[in-house]
């Protein structure tokens, strides 16, 4: 019996840090997930800007990295679950 394929959701920081090697990833589509953003009411000033924009910067870096590896961006969605926001980029192998 074959092991199930890894993914399809990958943490963008793991991809950027090389902890995930997608060269042997068997599927045509995957999802990059950004770090979780907590409730914005807990932050102020610079901490608020970091909490909001750093996950977006990581996600864009991940998208650009995967585009250089033969993937293309299909869409980006944001989901609010309880008091946290998750941003995900859907990618397809070209």
PDB file of N, CA and C in Angstrom:
ATOM      1  N   UNK A   1       0.842  -1.179   0.000  1.00  0.00           N
ATOM      2  CA  UNK A   1       0.000   0.000   0.000  1.00  0.00           C
ATOM      3  C   UNK A   1       0.888   1.243   0.000  1.00  0.00           C
ATOM      4  N   UNK A   2       0.563   2.205  -0.860  1.00  0.00           N
ATOM      5  CA  UNK A   2       1.343   3.439  -0.959  1.00  0.00           C
ATOM      6  C   UNK A   2       0.916   4.434   0.103  1.00  0.00           C
ATOM      7  N   UNK A   3       1.883   5.201   0.579  1.00  0.00           N
ATOM      8  CA  UNK A   3       1.578   6.259   1.545  1.00  0.00           C
ATOM      9  C   UNK A   3       0.820   7.373   0.828  1.00  0.00           C
ATOM     10  N   UNK A   4      -0.086   8.056   1.540  1.00  0.00           N
ATOM     11  CA  UNK A   4      -0.813   9.156   0.895  1.00  0.00           C
ATOM     12  C   UNK A   4       0.142  10.280   0.493  1.00  0.00           C
ATOM     13  N   UNK A   5      -0.228  10.995  -0.551  1.00  0.00           N
ATOM     14  CA  UNK A   5       0.593  12.115  -1.015  1.00  0.00           C
ATOM     15  C   UNK A   5       0.647  13.193   0.050  1.00  0.00           C
ATOM     16  N   UNK A   6       1.803  13.819   0.235  1.00  0.00           N
ATOM     17  CA  UNK A   6       1.890  14.900   1.224  1.00  0.00           C
ATOM     18  C   UNK A   6       1.089  16.111   0.770  1.00  0.00           C
ATOM     19  N   UNK A   7       0.756  16.949   1.704  1.00  0.00           N
ATOM     20  CA  UNK A   7       0.036  18.180   1.380  1.00  0.00           C
ATOM     21  C   UNK A   7      -1.452  17.928   1.322  1.00  0.00           C
ATOM     22  N   UNK A   8      -2.211  18.702   0.650  1.00  0.00           N
ATOM     23  CA  UNK A   8      -1.822  19.718  -0.304  1.00  0.00           C
ATOM     24  C   UNK A   8      -1.611  21.108   0.299  1.00  0.00           C
ATOM     25  N   UNK A   9      -1.733  21.239   1.633  1.00  0.00           N
ATOM     26  CA  UNK A   9      -1.556  22.554   2.265  1.00  0.00           C
ATOM     27  C   UNK A   9      -0.185  22.594   2.921  1.00  0.00           C
ATOM     28  N   UNK A  10       0.595  23.633   2.570  1.00  0.00           N
ATOM     29  CA  UNK A  10       1.943  23.771   3.102  1.00  0.00           C
ATOM     30  C   UNK A  10       2.109  25.136   3.753  1.00  0.00           C
ATOM     31  N   UNK A  11       2.757  25.168   4.888  1.00  0.00           N
ATOM     32  CA  UNK A  11       3.080  26.423   5.555  1.00  0.00           C
ATOM     33  C   UNK A  11       4.138  27.145   4.732  1.00  0.00           C
ATOM     34  N   UNK A  12       3.878  28.388   4.400  1.00  0.00           N
ATOM     35  CA  UNK A  12       4.782  29.136   3.531  1.00  0.00           C
ATOM     36  C   UNK A  12       6.171  29.286   4.155  1.00  0.00           C
ATOM     37  N   UNK A  13       6.249  29.428   5.467  1.00  0.00           N
ATOM     38  CA  UNK A  13       7.564  29.560   6.107  1.00  0.00           C
ATOM     39  C   UNK A  13       8.372  28.275   5.980  1.00  0.00           C
ATOM     40  N   UNK A  14       7.709  27.119   6.046  1.00  0.00           N
ATOM     41  CA  UNK A  14       8.404  25.845   5.867  1.00  0.00           C
ATOM     42  C   UNK A  14       8.942  25.726   4.446  1.00  0.00           C
ATOM     43  N   UNK A  15       8.179  26.194   3.467  1.00  0.00           N
ATOM     44  CA  UNK A  15       8.635  26.164   2.077  1.00  0.00           C
ATOM     45  C   UNK A  15       9.818  27.111   1.893  1.00  0.00           C
ATOM     46  N   UNK A  16       9.698  28.324   2.397  1.00  0.00           N
ATOM     47  CA  UNK A  16      10.764  29.312   2.238  1.00  0.00           C
ATOM     48  C   UNK A  16      12.041  28.915   2.969  1.00  0.00           C
ATOM     49  N   UNK A  17      11.915  28.234   4.095  1.00  0.00           N
ATOM     50  CA  UNK A  17      13.083  27.824   4.876  1.00  0.00           C
ATOM     51  C   UNK A  17      13.697  26.516   4.400  1.00  0.00           C
ATOM     52  N   UNK A  18      13.103  25.903   3.380  1.00  0.00           N
ATOM     53  CA  UNK A  18      13.650  24.662   2.837  1.00  0.00           C
ATOM     54  C   UNK A  18      13.265  23.419   3.607  1.00  0.00           C
ATOM     55  N   UNK A  19      12.371  23.534   4.573  1.00  0.00           N
ATOM     56  CA  UNK A  19      11.925  22.362   5.330  1.00  0.00           C
ATOM     57  C   UNK A  19      11.016  21.470   4.485  1.00  0.00           C
ATOM     58  N   UNK A  20      10.439  22.032   3.432  1.00  0.00           N
ATOM     59  CA  UNK A  20       9.579  21.290   2.511  1.00  0.00           C
ATOM     60  C   UNK A  20      10.208  21.380   1.130  1.00  0.00           C
ATOM     61  N   UNK A  21      10.465  20.235   0.517  1.00  0.00           N
ATOM     62  CA  UNK A  21      11.012  20.185  -0.837  1.00  0.00           C
ATOM     63  C   UNK A  21       9.896  19.744  -1.776  1.00  0.00           C
ATOM     64  N   UNK A  22       9.448  20.663  -2.620  1.00  0.00           N
ATOM     65  CA  UNK A  22       8.311  20.378  -3.493  1.00  0.00           C
ATOM     66  C   UNK A  22       8.717  19.811  -4.853  1.00  0.00           C
ATOM     67  N   UNK A  23       9.997  19.543  -5.066  1.00  0.00           N
ATOM     68  CA  UNK A  23      10.422  19.006  -6.363  1.00  0.00           C
ATOM     69  C   UNK A  23       9.806  17.652  -6.646  1.00  0.00           C
ATOM     70  N   UNK A  24       9.571  16.857  -5.620  1.00  0.00           N
ATOM     71  CA  UNK A  24       8.978  15.530  -5.836  1.00  0.00           C
ATOM     72  C   UNK A  24       7.495  15.494  -5.468  1.00  0.00           C
ATOM     73  N   UNK A  25       6.899  16.659  -5.244  1.00  0.00           N
ATOM     74  CA  UNK A  25       5.479  16.726  -4.906  1.00  0.00           C
ATOM     75  C   UNK A  25       4.662  16.181  -6.084  1.00  0.00           C
ATOM     76  N   UNK A  26       3.827  15.166  -5.866  1.00  0.00           N
ATOM     77  CA  UNK A  26       3.180  14.471  -6.981  1.00  0.00           C
ATOM     78  C   UNK A  26       1.919  15.144  -7.542  1.00  0.00           C
ATOM     79  N   UNK A  27       1.350  16.083  -6.831  1.00  0.00           N
ATOM     80  CA  UNK A  27       0.097  16.678  -7.296  1.00  0.00           C
ATOM     81  C   UNK A  27       0.347  17.891  -8.178  1.00  0.00           C
ATOM     82  N   UNK A  28      -0.683  18.290  -8.915  1.00  0.00           N
ATOM     83  CA  UNK A  28      -0.576  19.452  -9.793  1.00  0.00           C
ATOM     84  C   UNK A  28      -0.905  20.750  -9.061  1.00  0.00           C
ATOM     85  N   UNK A  29      -1.650  20.674  -7.967  1.00  0.00           N
ATOM     86  CA  UNK A  29      -2.083  21.854  -7.220  1.00  0.00           C
ATOM     87  C   UNK A  29      -1.637  21.759  -5.773  1.00  0.00           C
ATOM     88  N   UNK A  30      -1.417  22.936  -5.190  1.00  0.00           N
ATOM     89  CA  UNK A  30      -1.112  22.991  -3.766  1.00  0.00           C
ATOM     90  C   UNK A  30      -1.597  24.314  -3.203  1.00  0.00           C
ATOM     91  N   UNK A  31      -1.582  24.409  -1.878  1.00  0.00           N
ATOM     92  CA  UNK A  31      -2.004  25.623  -1.186  1.00  0.00           C
ATOM     93  C   UNK A  31      -0.873  26.051  -0.253  1.00  0.00           C
ATOM     94  N   UNK A  32      -0.500  27.320  -0.349  1.00  0.00           N
ATOM     95  CA  UNK A  32       0.440  27.909   0.605  1.00  0.00           C
ATOM     96  C   UNK A  32      -0.379  28.614   1.670  1.00  0.00           C
ATOM     97  N   UNK A  33      -0.092  28.344   2.907  1.00  0.00           N
ATOM     98  CA  UNK A  33      -0.807  28.971   4.016  1.00  0.00           C
ATOM     99  C   UNK A  33       0.130  29.922   4.738  1.00  0.00           C
ATOM    100  N   UNK A  34      -0.366  31.131   4.994  1.00  0.00           N
ATOM    101  CA  UNK A  34       0.450  32.115   5.707  1.00  0.00           C
ATOM    102  C   UNK A  34       0.319  31.891   7.204  1.00  0.00           C
ATOM    103  N   UNK A  35       1.254  32.460   7.960  1.00  0.00           N
ATOM    104  CA  UNK A  35       1.118  32.391   9.414  1.00  0.00           C
ATOM    105  C   UNK A  35      -0.207  33.023   9.844  1.00  0.00           C
ATOM    106  N   UNK A  36      -0.710  32.545  10.919  1.00  0.00           N
ATOM    107  CA  UNK A  36      -1.989  33.020  11.451  1.00  0.00           C
ATOM    108  C   UNK A  36      -1.854  34.437  11.979  1.00  0.00           C
ATOM    109  N   UNK A  37      -2.861  35.250  11.713  1.00  0.00           N
ATOM    110  CA  UNK A  37      -2.930  36.599  12.260  1.00  0.00           C
ATOM    111  C   UNK A  37      -3.951  36.578  13.380  1.00  0.00           C
ATOM    112  N   UNK A  38      -3.532  36.935  14.584  1.00  0.00           N
ATOM    113  CA  UNK A  38      -4.458  36.988  15.711  1.00  0.00           C
ATOM    114  C   UNK A  38      -5.360  38.200  15.631  1.00  0.00           C
ATOM    115  N   UNK A  39      -6.191  38.347  16.609  1.00  0.00           N
ATOM    116  CA  UNK A  39      -7.111  39.476  16.651  1.00  0.00           C
ATOM    117  C   UNK A  39      -6.356  40.794  16.616  1.00  0.00           C
ATOM    118  N   UNK A  40      -6.710  41.676  15.666  1.00  0.00           N
ATOM    119  CA  UNK A  40      -6.003  42.948  15.523  1.00  0.00           C
ATOM    120  C   UNK A  40      -6.239  43.870  16.707  1.00  0.00           C
ATOM    121  N   UNK A  41      -7.249  43.602  17.508  1.00  0.00           N
ATOM    122  CA  UNK A  41      -7.499  44.452  18.671  1.00  0.00           C
ATOM    123  C   UNK A  41      -6.441  44.251  19.751  1.00  0.00           C
ATOM    124  N   UNK A  42      -5.642  43.193  19.634  1.00  0.00           N
ATOM    125  CA  UNK A  42      -4.594  42.917  20.619  1.00  0.00           C
ATOM    126  C   UNK A  42      -3.317  43.692  20.330  1.00  0.00           C
ATOM    127  N   UNK A  43      -3.228  44.319  19.154  1.00  0.00           N
ATOM    128  CA  UNK A  43      -2.001  44.978  18.734  1.00  0.00           C
ATOM    129  C   UNK A  43      -2.218  46.477  18.593  1.00  0.00           C
ATOM    130  N   UNK A  44      -1.102  47.215  18.634  1.00  0.00           N
ATOM    131  CA  UNK A  44      -1.164  48.643  18.351  1.00  0.00           C
ATOM    132  C   UNK A  44       0.142  49.066  17.697  1.00  0.00           C
ATOM    133  N   UNK A  45       0.106  50.141  16.918  1.00  0.00           N
ATOM    134  CA  UNK A  45       1.310  50.705  16.317  1.00  0.00           C
ATOM    135  C   UNK A  45       2.073  49.731  15.451  1.00  0.00           C
ATOM    136  N   UNK A  46       3.393  49.648  15.697  1.00  0.00           N
ATOM    137  CA  UNK A  46       4.256  48.781  14.902  1.00  0.00           C
ATOM    138  C   UNK A  46       3.879  47.315  15.034  1.00  0.00           C
ATOM    139  N   UNK A  47       3.476  46.892  16.211  1.00  0.00           N
ATOM    140  CA  UNK A  47       3.075  45.500  16.407  1.00  0.00           C
ATOM    141  C   UNK A  47       1.872  45.163  15.533  1.00  0.00           C
ATOM    142  N   UNK A  48       0.953  46.093  15.398  1.00  0.00           N
ATOM    143  CA  UNK A  48      -0.215  45.887  14.543  1.00  0.00           C
ATOM    144  C   UNK A  48       0.215  45.744  13.085  1.00  0.00           C
ATOM    145  N   UNK A  49       1.081  46.641  12.621  1.00  0.00           N
ATOM    146  CA  UNK A  49       1.550  46.580  11.233  1.00  0.00           C
ATOM    147  C   UNK A  49       2.290  45.273  10.958  1.00  0.00           C
ATOM    148  N   UNK A  50       3.134  44.846  11.893  1.00  0.00           N
ATOM    149  CA  UNK A  50       3.841  43.574  11.717  1.00  0.00           C
ATOM    150  C   UNK A  50       2.857  42.410  11.674  1.00  0.00           C
ATOM    151  N   UNK A  51       1.882  42.407  12.571  1.00  0.00           N
ATOM    152  CA  UNK A  51       0.916  41.310  12.631  1.00  0.00           C
ATOM    153  C   UNK A  51       0.097  41.217  11.355  1.00  0.00           C
ATOM    154  N   UNK A  52      -0.194  42.357  10.754  1.00  0.00           N
ATOM    155  CA  UNK A  52      -1.020  42.370   9.555  1.00  0.00           C
ATOM    156  C   UNK A  52      -0.192  42.128   8.294  1.00  0.00           C
ATOM    157  N   UNK A  53       0.955  42.790   8.175  1.00  0.00           N
ATOM    158  CA  UNK A  53       1.675  42.764   6.912  1.00  0.00           C
ATOM    159  C   UNK A  53       2.728  41.663   6.787  1.00  0.00           C
ATOM    160  N   UNK A  54       3.343  41.216   7.867  1.00  0.00           N
ATOM    161  CA  UNK A  54       4.370  40.178   7.747  1.00  0.00           C
ATOM    162  C   UNK A  54       3.831  38.894   7.122  1.00  0.00           C
ATOM    163  N   UNK A  55       2.653  38.405   7.523  1.00  0.00           N
ATOM    164  CA  UNK A  55       2.136  37.201   6.857  1.00  0.00           C
ATOM    165  C   UNK A  55       1.914  37.409   5.357  1.00  0.00           C
ATOM    166  N   UNK A  56       1.504  38.602   4.968  1.00  0.00           N
ATOM    167  CA  UNK A  56       1.297  38.899   3.551  1.00  0.00           C
ATOM    168  C   UNK A  56       2.641  38.899   2.823  1.00  0.00           C
ATOM    169  N   UNK A  57       3.645  39.497   3.429  1.00  0.00           N
ATOM    170  CA  UNK A  57       4.979  39.515   2.826  1.00  0.00           C
ATOM    171  C   UNK A  57       5.504  38.093   2.669  1.00  0.00           C
ATOM    172  N   UNK A  58       5.346  37.256   3.695  1.00  0.00           N
ATOM    173  CA  UNK A  58       5.788  35.862   3.604  1.00  0.00           C
ATOM    174  C   UNK A  58       5.064  35.147   2.466  1.00  0.00           C
ATOM    175  N   UNK A  59       3.760  35.372   2.355  1.00  0.00           N
ATOM    176  CA  UNK A  59       2.986  34.705   1.322  1.00  0.00           C
ATOM    177  C   UNK A  59       3.446  35.142  -0.073  1.00  0.00           C
ATOM    178  N   UNK A  60       3.672  36.425  -0.269  1.00  0.00           N
ATOM    179  CA  UNK A  60       4.148  36.916  -1.564  1.00  0.00           C
ATOM    180  C   UNK A  60       5.534  36.338  -1.867  1.00  0.00           C
ATOM    181  N   UNK A  61       6.398  36.274  -0.871  1.00  0.00           N
ATOM    182  CA  UNK A  61       7.718  35.667  -1.066  1.00  0.00           C
ATOM    183  C   UNK A  61       7.583  34.200  -1.478  1.00  0.00           C
ATOM    184  N   UNK A  62       6.665  33.491  -0.839  1.00  0.00           N
ATOM    185  CA  UNK A  62       6.435  32.090  -1.184  1.00  0.00           C
ATOM    186  C   UNK A  62       5.890  31.932  -2.591  1.00  0.00           C
ATOM    187  N   UNK A  63       4.970  32.811  -2.978  1.00  0.00           N
ATOM    188  CA  UNK A  63       4.411  32.774  -4.334  1.00  0.00           C
ATOM    189  C   UNK A  63       5.518  33.005  -5.353  1.00  0.00           C
ATOM    190  N   UNK A  64       6.337  34.015  -5.131  1.00  0.00           N
ATOM    191  CA  UNK A  64       7.414  34.306  -6.072  1.00  0.00           C
ATOM    192  C   UNK A  64       8.432  33.171  -6.135  1.00  0.00           C
ATOM    193  N   UNK A  65       8.735  32.572  -4.980  1.00  0.00           N
ATOM    194  CA  UNK A  65       9.667  31.442  -4.961  1.00  0.00           C
ATOM    195  C   UNK A  65       9.110  30.289  -5.784  1.00  0.00           C
ATOM    196  N   UNK A  66       7.847  29.942  -5.571  1.00  0.00           N
ATOM    197  CA  UNK A  66       7.269  28.818  -6.314  1.00  0.00           C
ATOM    198  C   UNK A  66       7.103  29.135  -7.792  1.00  0.00           C
ATOM    199  N   UNK A  67       6.835  30.393  -8.130  1.00  0.00           N
ATOM    200  CA  UNK A  67       6.760  30.753  -9.546  1.00  0.00           C
ATOM    201  C   UNK A  67       8.099  30.528 -10.234  1.00  0.00           C
ATOM    202  N   UNK A  68       9.195  30.733  -9.511  1.00  0.00           N
ATOM    203  CA  UNK A  68      10.519  30.479 -10.091  1.00  0.00           C
ATOM    204  C   UNK A  68      10.800  28.983 -10.210  1.00  0.00           C
ATOM    205  N   UNK A  69       9.971  28.164  -9.557  1.00  0.00           N
ATOM    206  CA  UNK A  69      10.127  26.710  -9.587  1.00  0.00           C
ATOM    207  C   UNK A  69       9.103  26.032 -10.505  1.00  0.00           C
ATOM    208  N   UNK A  70       8.383  26.834 -11.307  1.00  0.00           N
ATOM    209  CA  UNK A  70       7.442  26.249 -12.268  1.00  0.00           C
ATOM    210  C   UNK A  70       6.000  26.179 -11.802  1.00  0.00           C
ATOM    211  N   UNK A  71       5.624  26.965 -10.833  1.00  0.00           N
ATOM    212  CA  UNK A  71       4.242  27.018 -10.355  1.00  0.00           C
ATOM    213  C   UNK A  71       3.649  28.362 -10.740  1.00  0.00           C
ATOM    214  N   UNK A  72       2.308  28.427 -10.841  1.00  0.00           N
ATOM    215  CA  UNK A  72       1.644  29.695 -11.106  1.00  0.00           C
ATOM    216  C   UNK A  72       0.548  29.919 -10.069  1.00  0.00           C
ATOM    217  N   UNK A  73       0.333  31.179  -9.758  1.00  0.00           N
ATOM    218  CA  UNK A  73      -0.708  31.556  -8.798  1.00  0.00           C
ATOM    219  C   UNK A  73      -2.065  31.441  -9.464  1.00  0.00           C
ATOM    220  N   UNK A  74      -2.990  30.773  -8.779  1.00  0.00           N
ATOM    221  CA  UNK A  74      -4.359  30.637  -9.271  1.00  0.00           C
ATOM    222  C   UNK A  74      -5.260  31.638  -8.561  1.00  0.00           C
ATOM    223  N   UNK A  75      -5.199  31.651  -7.231  1.00  0.00           N
ATOM    224  CA  UNK A  75      -6.014  32.602  -6.467  1.00  0.00           C
ATOM    225  C   UNK A  75      -5.495  32.710  -5.042  1.00  0.00           C
ATOM    226  N   UNK A  76      -5.952  33.744  -4.365  1.00  0.00           N
ATOM    227  CA  UNK A  76      -5.630  33.965  -2.960  1.00  0.00           C
ATOM    228  C   UNK A  76      -6.946  34.180  -2.231  1.00  0.00           C
ATOM    229  N   UNK A  77      -7.101  33.510  -1.102  1.00  0.00           N
ATOM    230  CA  UNK A  77      -8.308  33.684  -0.294  1.00  0.00           C
ATOM    231  C   UNK A  77      -7.915  33.958   1.143  1.00  0.00           C
ATOM    232  N   UNK A  78      -8.814  34.591   1.842  1.00  0.00           N
ATOM    233  CA  UNK A  78      -8.624  34.883   3.263  1.00  0.00           C
ATOM    234  C   UNK A  78      -9.819  34.314   4.005  1.00  0.00           C
ATOM    235  N   UNK A  79      -9.549  33.617   5.086  1.00  0.00           N
ATOM    236  CA  UNK A  79     -10.620  33.028   5.885  1.00  0.00           C
ATOM    237  C   UNK A  79     -10.474  33.475   7.328  1.00  0.00           C
ATOM    238  N   UNK A  80     -11.559  33.950   7.897  1.00  0.00           N
ATOM    239  CA  UNK A  80     -11.594  34.307   9.311  1.00  0.00           C
ATOM    240  C   UNK A  80     -12.234  33.154  10.078  1.00  0.00           C
ATOM    241  N   UNK A  81     -11.495  32.657  11.041  1.00  0.00           N
ATOM    242  CA  UNK A  81     -11.989  31.573  11.887  1.00  0.00           C
ATOM    243  C   UNK A  81     -11.814  32.032  13.323  1.00  0.00           C
ATOM    244  N   UNK A  82     -12.928  32.173  14.014  1.00  0.00           N
ATOM    245  CA  UNK A  82     -12.939  32.728  15.366  1.00  0.00           C
ATOM    246  C   UNK A  82     -12.282  34.113  15.337  1.00  0.00           C
ATOM    247  N   UNK A  83     -11.179  34.291  16.031  1.00  0.00           N
ATOM    248  CA  UNK A  83     -10.515  35.601  16.065  1.00  0.00           C
ATOM    249  C   UNK A  83      -9.231  35.618  15.253  1.00  0.00           C
ATOM    250  N   UNK A  84      -9.030  34.609  14.404  1.00  0.00           N
ATOM    251  CA  UNK A  84      -7.810  34.517  13.609  1.00  0.00           C
ATOM    252  C   UNK A  84      -8.129  34.584  12.124  1.00  0.00           C
ATOM    253  N   UNK A  85      -7.172  35.119  11.381  1.00  0.00           N
ATOM    254  CA  UNK A  85      -7.307  35.244   9.936  1.00  0.00           C
ATOM    255  C   UNK A  85      -6.239  34.388   9.265  1.00  0.00           C
ATOM    256  N   UNK A  86      -6.635  33.606   8.283  1.00  0.00           N
ATOM    257  CA  UNK A  86      -5.718  32.770   7.528  1.00  0.00           C
ATOM    258  C   UNK A  86      -5.748  33.212   6.070  1.00  0.00           C
ATOM    259  N   UNK A  87      -4.581  33.431   5.464  1.00  0.00           N
ATOM    260  CA  UNK A  87      -4.490  33.789   4.062  1.00  0.00           C
ATOM    261  C   UNK A  87      -3.821  32.632   3.341  1.00  0.00           C
ATOM    262  N   UNK A  88      -4.438  32.205   2.236  1.00  0.00           N
ATOM    263  CA  UNK A  88      -3.946  31.047   1.502  1.00  0.00           C
ATOM    264  C   UNK A  88      -3.819  31.368   0.019  1.00  0.00           C
ATOM    265  N   UNK A  89      -2.740  30.909  -0.576  1.00  0.00           N
ATOM    266  CA  UNK A  89      -2.514  31.078  -2.004  1.00  0.00           C
ATOM    267  C   UNK A  89      -2.623  29.705  -2.674  1.00  0.00           C
ATOM    268  N   UNK A  90      -3.486  29.609  -3.663  1.00  0.00           N
ATOM    269  CA  UNK A  90      -3.655  28.379  -4.410  1.00  0.00           C
ATOM    270  C   UNK A  90      -2.745  28.438  -5.632  1.00  0.00           C
ATOM    271  N   UNK A  91      -1.908  27.412  -5.774  1.00  0.00           N
ATOM    272  CA  UNK A  91      -0.885  27.364  -6.824  1.00  0.00           C
ATOM    273  C   UNK A  91      -1.098  26.124  -7.697  1.00  0.00           C
ATOM    274  N   UNK A  92      -0.710  26.240  -8.985  1.00  0.00           N
ATOM    275  CA  UNK A  92      -0.818  25.122  -9.920  1.00  0.00           C
ATOM    276  C   UNK A  92       0.524  24.984 -10.639  1.00  0.00           C
ATOM    277  N   UNK A  93       0.940  23.720 -10.785  1.00  0.00           N
ATOM    278  CA  UNK A  93       2.181  23.455 -11.515  1.00  0.00           C
ATOM    279  C   UNK A  93       1.948  23.742 -12.995  1.00  0.00           C
ATOM    280  N   UNK A  94       2.872  24.463 -13.606  1.00  0.00           N
ATOM    281  CA  UNK A  94       2.743  24.841 -15.017  1.00  0.00           C
ATOM    282  C   UNK A  94       3.195  23.681 -15.892  1.00  0.00           C
TER     283      UNK A  94
END
